[in-house]
Protein backbone atom coordinates (compact mmCIF):
# COMPACT_ATOMS: atom_id res chain seq x y z
CA MET A 1 -93.88 78.35 -69.73
CA ILE A 2 -91.30 80.04 -71.96
CA ASP A 3 -88.74 82.50 -70.55
CA GLY A 4 -90.63 82.76 -67.28
CA GLU A 5 -93.96 83.54 -68.93
CA PHE A 6 -96.95 81.31 -68.25
CA ARG A 7 -100.15 80.57 -70.11
CA GLU A 8 -102.95 78.35 -68.88
CA VAL A 9 -104.20 75.46 -71.00
CA GLN A 10 -107.21 73.31 -70.19
CA ASP A 11 -106.51 69.61 -69.70
CA GLY A 12 -106.78 67.78 -73.04
CA GLU A 13 -106.29 70.93 -75.12
CA LYS A 14 -103.57 71.63 -77.66
CA VAL A 15 -100.87 74.10 -76.63
CA HIS A 16 -101.01 75.89 -80.01
CA GLN A 17 -102.70 79.15 -78.99
CA PRO A 18 -100.78 79.75 -75.75
CA ALA A 19 -97.49 78.85 -77.44
CA GLU A 20 -98.21 81.33 -80.21
CA GLU A 21 -98.90 84.02 -77.60
CA LEU A 22 -95.47 83.24 -76.12
CA GLY A 23 -93.70 83.72 -79.46
CA VAL A 24 -93.58 80.26 -81.02
CA GLN A 25 -93.77 80.62 -84.81
CA PHE A 26 -96.10 78.43 -86.87
CA GLY A 27 -95.93 77.55 -90.55
CA CYS A 28 -98.36 74.94 -91.78
CA GLU A 29 -100.09 74.36 -88.41
CA ASP A 30 -100.74 70.76 -89.48
CA GLY A 31 -97.68 68.89 -88.19
CA VAL A 32 -95.83 68.88 -91.50
CA CYS A 33 -93.27 71.71 -91.54
CA GLY A 34 -91.70 71.43 -88.06
CA THR A 35 -91.58 75.20 -87.54
CA CYS A 36 -93.17 74.95 -84.08
CA ILE A 37 -90.87 72.28 -82.58
CA VAL A 38 -90.00 73.06 -78.97
CA GLU A 39 -87.66 71.38 -76.49
CA VAL A 40 -89.44 70.30 -73.31
CA GLU A 41 -87.32 71.20 -70.29
CA GLU A 42 -89.73 70.08 -67.57
CA GLY A 43 -93.01 68.21 -67.44
CA ALA A 44 -92.79 66.05 -70.58
CA GLU A 45 -94.92 63.50 -68.71
CA ASN A 46 -97.72 66.08 -68.58
CA PHE A 47 -98.20 65.95 -72.34
CA GLU A 48 -100.36 63.36 -74.11
CA PRO A 49 -98.23 60.79 -76.00
CA LEU A 50 -96.57 61.83 -79.27
CA THR A 51 -99.01 62.12 -82.15
CA ASP A 52 -98.53 60.11 -85.34
CA LYS A 53 -97.27 63.26 -87.08
CA GLU A 54 -94.70 63.86 -84.34
CA LYS A 55 -93.55 60.25 -84.60
CA GLU A 56 -93.27 60.55 -88.40
CA MET A 57 -90.92 63.52 -87.86
CA GLY A 58 -88.79 61.36 -85.58
CA LEU A 59 -89.40 63.48 -82.48
CA GLU A 60 -88.68 62.21 -78.99
CA PRO A 61 -90.90 62.93 -75.95
CA ALA A 62 -88.67 65.91 -75.09
CA GLN A 63 -89.41 67.46 -78.50
CA ARG A 64 -92.95 68.44 -79.39
CA LEU A 65 -94.85 70.18 -82.16
CA CYS A 66 -96.91 72.95 -80.56
CA CYS A 67 -99.53 72.59 -83.29
CA GLN A 68 -100.07 68.95 -82.30
CA ALA A 69 -99.16 68.51 -78.62
CA LYS A 70 -101.93 68.28 -76.03
CA ILE A 71 -101.54 68.77 -72.31
CA LYS A 72 -102.79 66.03 -69.98
CA SER A 73 -102.50 68.03 -66.79
CA GLY A 74 -99.94 69.85 -64.73
CA GLU A 75 -97.22 72.22 -65.85
CA VAL A 76 -94.85 72.08 -68.78
CA LYS A 77 -91.78 74.22 -69.36
CA PHE A 78 -90.30 74.37 -72.84
CA ARG A 79 -87.94 76.48 -74.90
CA TYR A 80 -88.20 77.49 -78.50
């Protein structure tokens, strides 16, 4: 969810497409540029663990790359 708008994501899927529909900008789409970093406001535990690329960028669980992050289950609210 961004700004009260929701998109559904299947469990185990990346949030790339729905995030893009909600206005998140993407550059490289490969976890290198950091353009799609979002701040997780609620539900960080509903994401899969940080990817190696997210760790290399020094991100914390409350910061995710939308091109890399996968949902486990449940809801996630983030801001861009």
